[in-house]
Amino acid sequence: MNAQERVERAASALKVFPLPSAVLFPHTVIPLHIFEPRYRALVQDALAGDRVLALSQLEPGWEGNYGGRPPMVPLMCAGVIVWDEQVEEGRYNILLQGVCRVRMTSELGADKSYREVRAEVLPDLPYEGPEEEQLRQAVFELAGRVPPSFAENLLPVAARAQGGMLADVVASAIIPEPERRQALLAELDVRRRLEGVLEDVGALIGRLQPLRPTGPLN
C-alpha cells in the first residue's frame, strides 16, 4: 500500500493536529515536536496504526481557545510519519511527509482527546504548461541570490518536479508566512497555483541582491 492509498483509507477517521504556526505541503517534509498530552496520544495511536495524520490551520478567532476545539480550516494536508523518536516525558519528535490535500467534510465526535475528521482526498490533476518552465527559470535565478546550501537543496527538486508538485515544493522552500502558505495549499487549480508561486519567487528575487563570488576571479 502506497502513501496515497494509506491516506485514502484513513480519510473516514483522519487524525488532525491543528498547528496555526505551520502549513505542510504535499511532497515536502516538516519536523514536529509533539508535547501536548492530547497530541502525544494522537501520535502514539498513529504510530500503532497507519502512521497517517493531517496538519491543519484554525479559523480566525481561535486565540484563547486553543485548548478547546476551535473551528478548523477545512482544507488541510494529510501526511505520513516517516521517522519518529520518543523523548523525555513521553514527548515525540517526528518527521511528517506531506502526501496530498484533503478537505474536511465533518468532524467526528469528541470520544478521543484529540480531533478526528471525515475528509475528501484531493489529488492534483496532471498538468503541463508554460508556467512550469517559467517557475523553474525563476528558481534558477533565485539560486544566484541565496546561500549555496539553500540552492543545492532546492534546485534538484525543482528540476525534477512537475505540475502541482513543482508549485508545492518551491512554495514550501521560499514562503515562511502561514497565511500565504495556506492560501497556496487551498489553491486546487494547478495553473493558478504555479502562477501564484511564480509571483512569490519574483517578489523575493526583487528583494535580494546577487551574491558576490567568493572564489578567485580570473
N, C-alpha and C. Protein backbone atom coordinates (compact mmCIF):
# COMPACT_ATOMS: atom_id res chain seq x y z
N MET A 1 0.85 -1.20 0.00
CA MET A 1 0.00 0.00 0.00
C MET A 1 0.89 1.25 0.00
N ASN A 2 0.68 2.13 -0.98
CA ASN A 2 1.49 3.34 -1.02
C ASN A 2 0.89 4.41 -0.10
N ALA A 3 1.60 5.55 -0.01
CA ALA A 3 1.19 6.60 0.93
C ALA A 3 -0.19 7.17 0.58
N GLN A 4 -0.46 7.36 -0.71
CA GLN A 4 -1.76 7.89 -1.14
C GLN A 4 -2.88 6.94 -0.70
N GLU A 5 -2.68 5.66 -0.89
CA GLU A 5 -3.70 4.69 -0.51
C GLU A 5 -3.89 4.67 1.00
N ARG A 6 -2.82 4.86 1.75
CA ARG A 6 -2.94 4.91 3.21
C ARG A 6 -3.78 6.11 3.65
N VAL A 7 -3.58 7.25 3.01
CA VAL A 7 -4.39 8.43 3.34
C VAL A 7 -5.84 8.20 2.96
N GLU A 8 -6.07 7.62 1.79
CA GLU A 8 -7.45 7.36 1.36
C GLU A 8 -8.16 6.43 2.34
N ARG A 9 -7.45 5.43 2.83
CA ARG A 9 -8.06 4.50 3.78
C ARG A 9 -8.33 5.18 5.12
N ALA A 10 -7.47 6.13 5.50
CA ALA A 10 -7.62 6.82 6.78
C ALA A 10 -8.65 7.94 6.74
N ALA A 11 -9.13 8.31 5.55
CA ALA A 11 -9.93 9.53 5.39
C ALA A 11 -11.27 9.48 6.12
N SER A 12 -11.76 8.30 6.46
CA SER A 12 -13.04 8.22 7.17
C SER A 12 -12.90 8.55 8.65
N ALA A 13 -11.68 8.52 9.17
CA ALA A 13 -11.40 8.91 10.56
C ALA A 13 -9.97 9.42 10.62
N LEU A 14 -9.76 10.58 10.02
CA LEU A 14 -8.42 11.14 9.86
C LEU A 14 -8.01 11.91 11.11
N LYS A 15 -6.90 11.53 11.69
CA LYS A 15 -6.37 12.23 12.86
C LYS A 15 -5.84 13.60 12.42
N VAL A 16 -6.14 14.65 13.21
CA VAL A 16 -5.76 16.00 12.82
C VAL A 16 -5.01 16.68 13.97
N PHE A 17 -3.89 17.30 13.60
CA PHE A 17 -3.11 18.10 14.53
C PHE A 17 -3.22 19.55 14.09
N PRO A 18 -4.04 20.38 14.77
CA PRO A 18 -4.14 21.79 14.41
C PRO A 18 -2.89 22.53 14.91
N LEU A 19 -2.23 23.23 13.99
CA LEU A 19 -1.00 23.93 14.34
C LEU A 19 -0.94 25.24 13.58
N PRO A 20 -1.42 26.34 14.18
CA PRO A 20 -1.51 27.61 13.46
C PRO A 20 -0.19 28.14 12.93
N SER A 21 0.93 27.71 13.49
CA SER A 21 2.22 28.25 13.08
C SER A 21 2.83 27.52 11.89
N ALA A 22 2.21 26.45 11.39
CA ALA A 22 2.84 25.64 10.36
C ALA A 22 1.82 25.16 9.33
N VAL A 23 2.23 25.17 8.07
CA VAL A 23 1.42 24.63 6.97
C VAL A 23 2.29 23.64 6.20
N LEU A 24 1.81 22.42 6.07
CA LEU A 24 2.51 21.37 5.35
C LEU A 24 2.01 21.31 3.92
N PHE A 25 2.93 21.13 2.97
CA PHE A 25 2.58 20.91 1.57
C PHE A 25 2.83 19.45 1.19
N PRO A 26 2.04 18.93 0.23
CA PRO A 26 2.37 17.61 -0.31
C PRO A 26 3.79 17.59 -0.87
N HIS A 27 4.42 16.42 -0.80
CA HIS A 27 5.77 16.18 -1.35
C HIS A 27 6.87 16.85 -0.54
N THR A 28 6.56 17.37 0.63
CA THR A 28 7.57 18.01 1.47
C THR A 28 7.52 17.38 2.86
N VAL A 29 8.55 17.65 3.64
CA VAL A 29 8.66 17.08 4.98
C VAL A 29 8.77 18.20 6.01
N ILE A 30 8.09 18.04 7.13
CA ILE A 30 8.16 19.02 8.21
C ILE A 30 8.52 18.31 9.51
N PRO A 31 9.47 18.87 10.29
CA PRO A 31 9.76 18.29 11.60
C PRO A 31 8.80 18.85 12.64
N LEU A 32 8.35 18.01 13.55
CA LEU A 32 7.42 18.44 14.59
C LEU A 32 7.85 17.88 15.94
N HIS A 33 7.73 18.72 16.95
CA HIS A 33 7.95 18.27 18.33
C HIS A 33 6.59 18.22 19.01
N ILE A 34 6.18 17.05 19.44
CA ILE A 34 4.84 16.83 19.99
C ILE A 34 4.94 16.72 21.50
N PHE A 35 4.36 17.70 22.20
CA PHE A 35 4.49 17.72 23.67
C PHE A 35 3.15 17.79 24.39
N GLU A 36 2.10 18.32 23.75
CA GLU A 36 0.81 18.43 24.44
C GLU A 36 0.22 17.02 24.61
N PRO A 37 -0.34 16.70 25.80
CA PRO A 37 -0.79 15.33 26.05
C PRO A 37 -1.74 14.78 25.00
N ARG A 38 -2.71 15.57 24.53
CA ARG A 38 -3.68 15.01 23.58
C ARG A 38 -3.03 14.70 22.24
N TYR A 39 -2.00 15.45 21.88
CA TYR A 39 -1.35 15.17 20.60
C TYR A 39 -0.24 14.14 20.74
N ARG A 40 0.25 13.95 21.96
CA ARG A 40 1.09 12.77 22.20
C ARG A 40 0.26 11.50 22.02
N ALA A 41 -0.98 11.54 22.50
CA ALA A 41 -1.88 10.40 22.31
C ALA A 41 -2.17 10.17 20.83
N LEU A 42 -2.36 11.27 20.09
CA LEU A 42 -2.61 11.17 18.65
C LEU A 42 -1.44 10.47 17.96
N VAL A 43 -0.22 10.93 18.23
CA VAL A 43 0.95 10.34 17.58
C VAL A 43 1.12 8.89 18.00
N GLN A 44 0.91 8.60 19.27
CA GLN A 44 1.02 7.22 19.75
C GLN A 44 0.06 6.30 18.99
N ASP A 45 -1.19 6.75 18.82
CA ASP A 45 -2.17 5.94 18.10
C ASP A 45 -1.81 5.84 16.62
N ALA A 46 -1.31 6.93 16.03
CA ALA A 46 -0.92 6.88 14.62
C ALA A 46 0.23 5.91 14.40
N LEU A 47 1.21 5.93 15.30
CA LEU A 47 2.36 5.04 15.16
C LEU A 47 1.96 3.58 15.33
N ALA A 48 0.93 3.34 16.12
CA ALA A 48 0.45 1.98 16.33
C ALA A 48 -0.40 1.49 15.17
N GLY A 49 -0.77 2.42 14.26
CA GLY A 49 -1.63 2.06 13.15
C GLY A 49 -1.02 2.40 11.80
N ASP A 50 -1.69 3.30 11.08
CA ASP A 50 -1.29 3.59 9.69
C ASP A 50 -0.25 4.70 9.57
N ARG A 51 0.08 5.38 10.67
CA ARG A 51 1.07 6.47 10.71
C ARG A 51 0.59 7.72 9.94
N VAL A 52 -0.71 7.82 9.72
CA VAL A 52 -1.27 8.95 8.96
C VAL A 52 -1.86 9.98 9.90
N LEU A 53 -1.59 11.26 9.61
CA LEU A 53 -2.27 12.35 10.29
C LEU A 53 -2.26 13.56 9.38
N ALA A 54 -3.12 14.51 9.66
CA ALA A 54 -3.19 15.75 8.88
C ALA A 54 -2.80 16.92 9.75
N LEU A 55 -2.19 17.90 9.11
CA LEU A 55 -1.84 19.15 9.77
C LEU A 55 -2.81 20.21 9.28
N SER A 56 -3.41 20.97 10.21
CA SER A 56 -4.43 21.94 9.80
C SER A 56 -4.19 23.29 10.44
N GLN A 57 -4.80 24.29 9.81
CA GLN A 57 -4.87 25.63 10.38
C GLN A 57 -6.21 25.79 11.10
N LEU A 58 -6.27 26.80 11.96
CA LEU A 58 -7.51 27.12 12.66
C LEU A 58 -8.13 28.38 12.07
N GLU A 59 -9.45 28.44 12.11
CA GLU A 59 -10.14 29.62 11.62
C GLU A 59 -9.81 30.83 12.50
N PRO A 60 -9.84 32.06 11.93
CA PRO A 60 -9.56 33.25 12.73
C PRO A 60 -10.43 33.31 13.98
N GLY A 61 -9.84 33.81 15.07
CA GLY A 61 -10.54 33.92 16.33
C GLY A 61 -10.27 32.77 17.28
N TRP A 62 -9.34 31.87 16.91
CA TRP A 62 -9.04 30.72 17.76
C TRP A 62 -8.26 31.09 19.01
N GLU A 63 -7.61 32.24 18.99
CA GLU A 63 -6.76 32.62 20.11
C GLU A 63 -7.56 32.60 21.41
N GLY A 64 -6.96 32.03 22.42
CA GLY A 64 -7.64 31.92 23.71
C GLY A 64 -8.47 30.66 23.86
N ASN A 65 -8.63 29.91 22.74
CA ASN A 65 -9.42 28.69 22.81
C ASN A 65 -8.68 27.50 22.22
N TYR A 66 -7.36 27.59 22.12
CA TYR A 66 -6.60 26.50 21.51
C TYR A 66 -6.76 25.21 22.31
N GLY A 67 -6.91 25.33 23.63
CA GLY A 67 -7.08 24.15 24.45
C GLY A 67 -8.42 23.46 24.27
N GLY A 68 -9.37 24.13 23.59
CA GLY A 68 -10.66 23.52 23.30
C GLY A 68 -10.68 22.91 21.91
N ARG A 69 -11.77 23.14 21.21
CA ARG A 69 -11.91 22.62 19.85
C ARG A 69 -12.37 23.74 18.92
N PRO A 70 -11.53 24.75 18.70
CA PRO A 70 -11.92 25.84 17.81
C PRO A 70 -12.07 25.34 16.38
N PRO A 71 -12.88 26.03 15.55
CA PRO A 71 -13.11 25.57 14.17
C PRO A 71 -11.79 25.50 13.38
N MET A 72 -11.68 24.44 12.58
CA MET A 72 -10.50 24.26 11.74
C MET A 72 -10.79 24.68 10.31
N VAL A 73 -9.77 25.17 9.61
CA VAL A 73 -9.88 25.43 8.19
C VAL A 73 -10.08 24.09 7.48
N PRO A 74 -11.10 23.96 6.64
CA PRO A 74 -11.41 22.63 6.07
C PRO A 74 -10.32 22.06 5.18
N LEU A 75 -9.60 22.92 4.43
CA LEU A 75 -8.58 22.43 3.51
C LEU A 75 -7.28 22.24 4.27
N MET A 76 -6.76 21.03 4.28
CA MET A 76 -5.54 20.72 5.04
C MET A 76 -4.69 19.73 4.25
N CYS A 77 -3.53 19.40 4.78
CA CYS A 77 -2.64 18.45 4.12
C CYS A 77 -2.48 17.23 5.01
N ALA A 78 -2.71 16.06 4.43
CA ALA A 78 -2.51 14.80 5.13
C ALA A 78 -1.14 14.24 4.80
N GLY A 79 -0.52 13.61 5.78
CA GLY A 79 0.80 13.07 5.57
C GLY A 79 1.03 11.78 6.34
N VAL A 80 2.22 11.25 6.18
CA VAL A 80 2.62 10.00 6.82
C VAL A 80 3.87 10.27 7.67
N ILE A 81 3.88 9.76 8.88
CA ILE A 81 5.05 9.88 9.74
C ILE A 81 6.14 8.96 9.19
N VAL A 82 7.24 9.54 8.72
CA VAL A 82 8.30 8.75 8.11
C VAL A 82 9.47 8.50 9.07
N TRP A 83 9.49 9.19 10.19
CA TRP A 83 10.52 8.98 11.21
C TRP A 83 9.97 9.45 12.54
N ASP A 84 10.35 8.77 13.61
CA ASP A 84 9.87 9.18 14.92
C ASP A 84 10.86 8.77 15.99
N GLU A 85 10.86 9.51 17.09
CA GLU A 85 11.58 9.11 18.29
C GLU A 85 10.81 9.61 19.49
N GLN A 86 10.75 8.81 20.53
CA GLN A 86 10.11 9.22 21.77
C GLN A 86 11.20 9.73 22.70
N VAL A 87 10.96 10.91 23.28
CA VAL A 87 11.96 11.53 24.15
C VAL A 87 11.39 11.67 25.55
N GLU A 88 11.99 12.53 26.36
CA GLU A 88 11.62 12.62 27.76
C GLU A 88 10.15 12.98 27.95
N GLU A 89 9.57 12.47 29.01
CA GLU A 89 8.19 12.76 29.42
C GLU A 89 7.16 12.33 28.38
N GLY A 90 7.50 11.35 27.57
CA GLY A 90 6.55 10.84 26.60
C GLY A 90 6.35 11.71 25.38
N ARG A 91 7.20 12.70 25.19
CA ARG A 91 7.10 13.56 24.01
C ARG A 91 7.66 12.85 22.80
N TYR A 92 7.32 13.39 21.62
CA TYR A 92 7.79 12.80 20.38
C TYR A 92 8.43 13.86 19.50
N ASN A 93 9.46 13.45 18.79
CA ASN A 93 9.95 14.17 17.62
C ASN A 93 9.58 13.32 16.40
N ILE A 94 8.97 13.96 15.40
CA ILE A 94 8.57 13.21 14.21
C ILE A 94 8.92 14.00 12.96
N LEU A 95 9.04 13.30 11.85
CA LEU A 95 9.08 13.90 10.52
C LEU A 95 7.81 13.49 9.80
N LEU A 96 7.04 14.48 9.36
CA LEU A 96 5.78 14.21 8.68
C LEU A 96 5.94 14.53 7.19
N GLN A 97 5.76 13.52 6.36
CA GLN A 97 5.87 13.67 4.90
C GLN A 97 4.50 13.97 4.33
N GLY A 98 4.35 15.15 3.72
CA GLY A 98 3.08 15.50 3.11
C GLY A 98 2.76 14.61 1.94
N VAL A 99 1.51 14.18 1.84
CA VAL A 99 1.09 13.28 0.77
C VAL A 99 0.12 13.96 -0.18
N CYS A 100 -0.97 14.52 0.34
CA CYS A 100 -1.97 15.13 -0.54
C CYS A 100 -2.86 16.09 0.25
N ARG A 101 -3.54 16.94 -0.49
CA ARG A 101 -4.55 17.80 0.08
C ARG A 101 -5.79 16.99 0.42
N VAL A 102 -6.46 17.39 1.49
CA VAL A 102 -7.75 16.80 1.84
C VAL A 102 -8.67 17.92 2.30
N ARG A 103 -9.97 17.67 2.16
CA ARG A 103 -10.96 18.65 2.63
C ARG A 103 -11.83 17.98 3.68
N MET A 104 -11.86 18.58 4.87
CA MET A 104 -12.72 18.07 5.94
C MET A 104 -14.18 18.22 5.53
N THR A 105 -14.93 17.15 5.65
CA THR A 105 -16.36 17.21 5.38
C THR A 105 -17.18 17.24 6.67
N SER A 106 -16.64 16.66 7.74
CA SER A 106 -17.30 16.73 9.05
C SER A 106 -16.29 16.33 10.11
N GLU A 107 -16.52 16.80 11.33
CA GLU A 107 -15.67 16.39 12.44
C GLU A 107 -16.36 15.29 13.23
N LEU A 108 -15.59 14.30 13.62
CA LEU A 108 -16.15 13.18 14.38
C LEU A 108 -16.36 13.58 15.83
N GLY A 109 -17.07 12.76 16.57
CA GLY A 109 -17.38 13.05 17.96
C GLY A 109 -16.15 13.15 18.83
N ALA A 110 -16.33 13.74 19.99
CA ALA A 110 -15.20 14.01 20.88
C ALA A 110 -14.97 12.87 21.86
N ASP A 111 -14.96 11.63 21.35
CA ASP A 111 -14.74 10.49 22.24
C ASP A 111 -13.25 10.26 22.50
N LYS A 112 -12.39 10.94 21.75
CA LYS A 112 -10.95 10.87 21.98
C LYS A 112 -10.45 12.25 22.40
N SER A 113 -9.29 12.28 23.01
CA SER A 113 -8.76 13.57 23.47
C SER A 113 -8.34 14.45 22.31
N TYR A 114 -7.95 13.85 21.20
CA TYR A 114 -7.54 14.62 20.02
C TYR A 114 -8.68 14.65 19.00
N ARG A 115 -8.46 15.29 17.87
CA ARG A 115 -9.53 15.53 16.91
C ARG A 115 -9.40 14.61 15.70
N GLU A 116 -10.54 14.15 15.22
CA GLU A 116 -10.60 13.33 14.03
C GLU A 116 -11.70 13.86 13.11
N VAL A 117 -11.51 13.71 11.80
CA VAL A 117 -12.48 14.21 10.84
C VAL A 117 -12.71 13.18 9.74
N ARG A 118 -13.84 13.31 9.08
CA ARG A 118 -14.04 12.67 7.79
C ARG A 118 -13.53 13.65 6.73
N ALA A 119 -12.84 13.12 5.74
CA ALA A 119 -12.22 14.01 4.77
C ALA A 119 -12.33 13.46 3.36
N GLU A 120 -12.33 14.37 2.41
CA GLU A 120 -12.30 14.04 0.99
C GLU A 120 -10.87 14.24 0.49
N VAL A 121 -10.31 13.23 -0.16
CA VAL A 121 -8.95 13.31 -0.68
C VAL A 121 -8.97 14.07 -2.00
N LEU A 122 -8.01 15.00 -2.16
CA LEU A 122 -7.99 15.90 -3.32
C LEU A 122 -6.65 15.82 -4.05
N PRO A 123 -6.40 14.74 -4.78
CA PRO A 123 -5.14 14.66 -5.52
C PRO A 123 -5.12 15.67 -6.67
N ASP A 124 -3.93 16.15 -7.01
CA ASP A 124 -3.79 17.06 -8.14
C ASP A 124 -4.08 16.34 -9.45
N LEU A 125 -4.70 17.06 -10.37
CA LEU A 125 -4.84 16.56 -11.73
C LEU A 125 -3.53 16.78 -12.47
N PRO A 126 -3.20 15.91 -13.43
CA PRO A 126 -1.98 16.14 -14.22
C PRO A 126 -2.06 17.49 -14.94
N TYR A 127 -0.91 18.15 -15.04
CA TYR A 127 -0.89 19.45 -15.71
C TYR A 127 0.46 19.66 -16.37
N GLU A 128 0.43 20.17 -17.59
CA GLU A 128 1.62 20.62 -18.28
C GLU A 128 1.32 21.98 -18.89
N GLY A 129 2.23 22.93 -18.71
CA GLY A 129 2.01 24.25 -19.27
C GLY A 129 3.25 25.11 -19.15
N PRO A 130 3.27 26.26 -19.79
CA PRO A 130 4.46 27.12 -19.78
C PRO A 130 4.83 27.62 -18.39
N GLU A 131 3.85 27.63 -17.48
CA GLU A 131 4.14 28.12 -16.13
C GLU A 131 5.20 27.27 -15.43
N GLU A 132 5.28 25.98 -15.78
CA GLU A 132 6.29 25.13 -15.16
C GLU A 132 7.70 25.63 -15.47
N GLU A 133 7.99 25.84 -16.76
CA GLU A 133 9.33 26.28 -17.15
C GLU A 133 9.60 27.69 -16.64
N GLN A 134 8.59 28.53 -16.62
CA GLN A 134 8.76 29.88 -16.09
C GLN A 134 9.16 29.83 -14.62
N LEU A 135 8.52 28.95 -13.86
CA LEU A 135 8.84 28.84 -12.45
C LEU A 135 10.24 28.25 -12.26
N ARG A 136 10.60 27.25 -13.07
CA ARG A 136 11.95 26.69 -12.96
C ARG A 136 13.01 27.75 -13.23
N GLN A 137 12.80 28.54 -14.27
CA GLN A 137 13.78 29.58 -14.60
C GLN A 137 13.88 30.60 -13.47
N ALA A 138 12.76 30.93 -12.86
CA ALA A 138 12.78 31.86 -11.73
C ALA A 138 13.54 31.28 -10.55
N VAL A 139 13.38 29.98 -10.32
CA VAL A 139 14.11 29.32 -9.23
C VAL A 139 15.61 29.34 -9.53
N PHE A 140 15.99 29.11 -10.77
CA PHE A 140 17.41 29.15 -11.13
C PHE A 140 17.98 30.55 -10.90
N GLU A 141 17.19 31.58 -11.23
CA GLU A 141 17.65 32.94 -10.98
C GLU A 141 17.75 33.21 -9.47
N LEU A 142 16.78 32.73 -8.73
CA LEU A 142 16.82 32.90 -7.28
C LEU A 142 18.05 32.24 -6.68
N ALA A 143 18.47 31.12 -7.26
CA ALA A 143 19.62 30.39 -6.73
C ALA A 143 20.88 31.23 -6.71
N GLY A 144 20.97 32.22 -7.59
CA GLY A 144 22.12 33.10 -7.61
C GLY A 144 22.08 34.19 -6.55
N ARG A 145 21.01 34.22 -5.77
CA ARG A 145 20.84 35.28 -4.78
C ARG A 145 20.67 34.74 -3.36
N VAL A 146 20.80 33.44 -3.19
CA VAL A 146 20.64 32.84 -1.87
C VAL A 146 21.88 32.01 -1.55
N PRO A 147 22.08 31.68 -0.27
CA PRO A 147 23.25 30.86 0.09
C PRO A 147 23.28 29.55 -0.68
N PRO A 148 24.47 29.09 -1.04
CA PRO A 148 24.59 27.84 -1.82
C PRO A 148 23.90 26.65 -1.18
N SER A 149 23.94 26.54 0.14
CA SER A 149 23.32 25.40 0.80
C SER A 149 21.82 25.35 0.54
N PHE A 150 21.19 26.52 0.49
CA PHE A 150 19.75 26.57 0.21
C PHE A 150 19.49 26.18 -1.24
N ALA A 151 20.28 26.75 -2.15
CA ALA A 151 20.09 26.46 -3.57
C ALA A 151 20.34 25.00 -3.89
N GLU A 152 21.34 24.40 -3.26
CA GLU A 152 21.66 23.00 -3.54
C GLU A 152 20.53 22.07 -3.15
N ASN A 153 19.76 22.43 -2.13
CA ASN A 153 18.62 21.61 -1.72
C ASN A 153 17.43 21.79 -2.64
N LEU A 154 17.22 23.03 -3.12
CA LEU A 154 16.02 23.33 -3.89
C LEU A 154 16.16 22.99 -5.37
N LEU A 155 17.32 23.24 -5.96
CA LEU A 155 17.47 23.11 -7.41
C LEU A 155 17.19 21.70 -7.93
N PRO A 156 17.75 20.64 -7.33
CA PRO A 156 17.47 19.30 -7.87
C PRO A 156 15.99 18.93 -7.82
N VAL A 157 15.32 19.35 -6.76
CA VAL A 157 13.89 19.04 -6.63
C VAL A 157 13.09 19.82 -7.67
N ALA A 158 13.40 21.10 -7.84
CA ALA A 158 12.68 21.92 -8.82
C ALA A 158 12.92 21.42 -10.24
N ALA A 159 14.11 20.89 -10.51
CA ALA A 159 14.41 20.39 -11.85
C ALA A 159 13.59 19.14 -12.19
N ARG A 160 13.29 18.32 -11.19
CA ARG A 160 12.58 17.06 -11.43
C ARG A 160 11.07 17.20 -11.33
N ALA A 161 10.60 18.09 -10.47
CA ALA A 161 9.16 18.17 -10.17
C ALA A 161 8.37 18.75 -11.33
N GLN A 162 7.12 18.37 -11.39
CA GLN A 162 6.22 18.85 -12.44
C GLN A 162 4.89 19.26 -11.83
N GLY A 163 4.17 20.11 -12.55
CA GLY A 163 2.81 20.46 -12.20
C GLY A 163 2.64 20.95 -10.78
N GLY A 164 1.64 20.40 -10.10
CA GLY A 164 1.34 20.84 -8.74
C GLY A 164 2.47 20.56 -7.78
N MET A 165 3.20 19.47 -8.00
CA MET A 165 4.32 19.17 -7.12
C MET A 165 5.38 20.25 -7.20
N LEU A 166 5.65 20.76 -8.40
CA LEU A 166 6.63 21.83 -8.55
C LEU A 166 6.22 23.06 -7.76
N ALA A 167 4.97 23.45 -7.88
CA ALA A 167 4.49 24.60 -7.11
C ALA A 167 4.62 24.37 -5.62
N ASP A 168 4.29 23.18 -5.17
CA ASP A 168 4.29 22.89 -3.74
C ASP A 168 5.69 22.90 -3.15
N VAL A 169 6.65 22.26 -3.83
CA VAL A 169 7.99 22.17 -3.24
C VAL A 169 8.67 23.54 -3.22
N VAL A 170 8.41 24.36 -4.24
CA VAL A 170 9.00 25.70 -4.25
C VAL A 170 8.34 26.57 -3.20
N ALA A 171 7.02 26.51 -3.10
CA ALA A 171 6.32 27.30 -2.08
C ALA A 171 6.79 26.93 -0.69
N SER A 172 6.94 25.64 -0.44
CA SER A 172 7.38 25.19 0.88
C SER A 172 8.75 25.73 1.22
N ALA A 173 9.62 25.84 0.20
CA ALA A 173 11.00 26.26 0.44
C ALA A 173 11.15 27.75 0.66
N ILE A 174 10.32 28.56 0.00
CA ILE A 174 10.60 30.01 -0.01
C ILE A 174 9.60 30.85 0.76
N ILE A 175 8.43 30.30 1.10
CA ILE A 175 7.39 31.13 1.71
C ILE A 175 7.25 30.77 3.18
N PRO A 176 7.59 31.69 4.09
CA PRO A 176 7.51 31.38 5.52
C PRO A 176 6.16 31.67 6.16
N GLU A 177 5.39 32.61 5.61
CA GLU A 177 4.18 33.08 6.29
C GLU A 177 3.07 32.03 6.22
N PRO A 178 2.53 31.61 7.37
CA PRO A 178 1.47 30.59 7.35
C PRO A 178 0.25 31.00 6.53
N GLU A 179 -0.12 32.28 6.56
CA GLU A 179 -1.31 32.71 5.83
C GLU A 179 -1.14 32.52 4.34
N ARG A 180 0.04 32.90 3.81
CA ARG A 180 0.28 32.75 2.37
C ARG A 180 0.42 31.27 2.01
N ARG A 181 1.09 30.51 2.85
CA ARG A 181 1.22 29.07 2.59
C ARG A 181 -0.16 28.41 2.54
N GLN A 182 -1.05 28.79 3.47
CA GLN A 182 -2.38 28.21 3.48
C GLN A 182 -3.15 28.59 2.22
N ALA A 183 -2.99 29.84 1.76
CA ALA A 183 -3.68 30.27 0.54
C ALA A 183 -3.24 29.42 -0.66
N LEU A 184 -1.95 29.11 -0.74
CA LEU A 184 -1.46 28.29 -1.84
C LEU A 184 -1.86 26.83 -1.66
N LEU A 185 -1.90 26.35 -0.44
CA LEU A 185 -2.39 25.00 -0.19
C LEU A 185 -3.84 24.86 -0.64
N ALA A 186 -4.61 25.92 -0.43
CA ALA A 186 -6.03 25.88 -0.76
C ALA A 186 -6.30 26.07 -2.25
N GLU A 187 -5.28 26.42 -3.03
CA GLU A 187 -5.47 26.62 -4.47
C GLU A 187 -5.41 25.27 -5.17
N LEU A 188 -6.56 24.78 -5.59
CA LEU A 188 -6.64 23.46 -6.21
C LEU A 188 -6.38 23.50 -7.71
N ASP A 189 -6.46 24.66 -8.33
CA ASP A 189 -6.16 24.79 -9.74
C ASP A 189 -4.64 24.86 -9.91
N VAL A 190 -4.04 23.86 -10.53
CA VAL A 190 -2.58 23.77 -10.60
C VAL A 190 -1.99 24.95 -11.35
N ARG A 191 -2.61 25.36 -12.44
CA ARG A 191 -2.07 26.50 -13.19
C ARG A 191 -2.04 27.76 -12.33
N ARG A 192 -3.12 28.04 -11.65
CA ARG A 192 -3.15 29.25 -10.81
C ARG A 192 -2.17 29.13 -9.65
N ARG A 193 -1.98 27.91 -9.14
CA ARG A 193 -1.01 27.73 -8.06
C ARG A 193 0.40 28.01 -8.55
N LEU A 194 0.75 27.50 -9.74
CA LEU A 194 2.06 27.77 -10.33
C LEU A 194 2.25 29.26 -10.54
N GLU A 195 1.23 29.93 -11.03
CA GLU A 195 1.32 31.38 -11.25
C GLU A 195 1.52 32.12 -9.93
N GLY A 196 0.81 31.69 -8.89
CA GLY A 196 0.95 32.33 -7.60
C GLY A 196 2.33 32.17 -7.02
N VAL A 197 2.89 30.96 -7.10
CA VAL A 197 4.24 30.74 -6.58
C VAL A 197 5.25 31.51 -7.41
N LEU A 198 5.04 31.59 -8.71
CA LEU A 198 5.94 32.37 -9.57
C LEU A 198 5.96 33.83 -9.14
N GLU A 199 4.82 34.38 -8.79
CA GLU A 199 4.78 35.76 -8.30
C GLU A 199 5.58 35.90 -7.01
N ASP A 200 5.47 34.92 -6.12
CA ASP A 200 6.22 34.98 -4.86
C ASP A 200 7.72 34.89 -5.10
N VAL A 201 8.14 34.01 -6.02
CA VAL A 201 9.56 33.90 -6.32
C VAL A 201 10.06 35.21 -6.94
N GLY A 202 9.28 35.78 -7.85
CA GLY A 202 9.67 37.05 -8.47
C GLY A 202 9.81 38.16 -7.44
N ALA A 203 8.88 38.21 -6.49
CA ALA A 203 8.97 39.24 -5.45
C ALA A 203 10.20 39.04 -4.59
N LEU A 204 10.53 37.78 -4.29
CA LEU A 204 11.73 37.50 -3.49
C LEU A 204 13.00 37.88 -4.25
N ILE A 205 13.05 37.57 -5.52
CA ILE A 205 14.21 37.95 -6.34
C ILE A 205 14.39 39.46 -6.32
N GLY A 206 13.28 40.19 -6.40
CA GLY A 206 13.36 41.64 -6.41
C GLY A 206 13.90 42.23 -5.12
N ARG A 207 13.80 41.48 -4.02
CA ARG A 207 14.29 41.98 -2.73
C ARG A 207 15.74 41.59 -2.46
N LEU A 208 16.29 40.68 -3.27
CA LEU A 208 17.62 40.16 -2.99
C LEU A 208 18.62 40.62 -4.04
N GLN A 209 19.83 40.91 -3.59
CA GLN A 209 20.92 41.24 -4.49
C GLN A 209 21.65 39.96 -4.88
N PRO A 210 22.20 39.89 -6.10
CA PRO A 210 23.01 38.72 -6.46
C PRO A 210 24.18 38.57 -5.50
N LEU A 211 24.48 37.33 -5.16
CA LEU A 211 25.61 37.07 -4.28
C LEU A 211 26.91 37.33 -5.02
N ARG A 212 27.87 37.94 -4.33
CA ARG A 212 29.18 38.14 -4.93
C ARG A 212 29.96 36.83 -4.92
N PRO A 213 30.73 36.56 -5.96
CA PRO A 213 31.55 35.35 -5.97
C PRO A 213 32.53 35.35 -4.79
N THR A 214 32.74 34.18 -4.23
CA THR A 214 33.65 34.07 -3.07
C THR A 214 35.01 33.52 -3.47
N GLY A 215 35.13 32.93 -4.65
CA GLY A 215 36.40 32.36 -5.09
C GLY A 215 37.24 33.37 -5.83
N PRO A 216 38.44 32.96 -6.30
CA PRO A 216 39.30 33.87 -7.06
C PRO A 216 38.69 34.23 -8.41
N LEU A 217 38.93 35.43 -8.84
CA LEU A 217 38.43 35.91 -10.13
C LEU A 217 39.54 35.84 -11.16
N ASN A 218 39.17 35.47 -12.39
CA ASN A 218 40.15 35.45 -13.48
C ASN A 218 40.27 36.85 -14.09
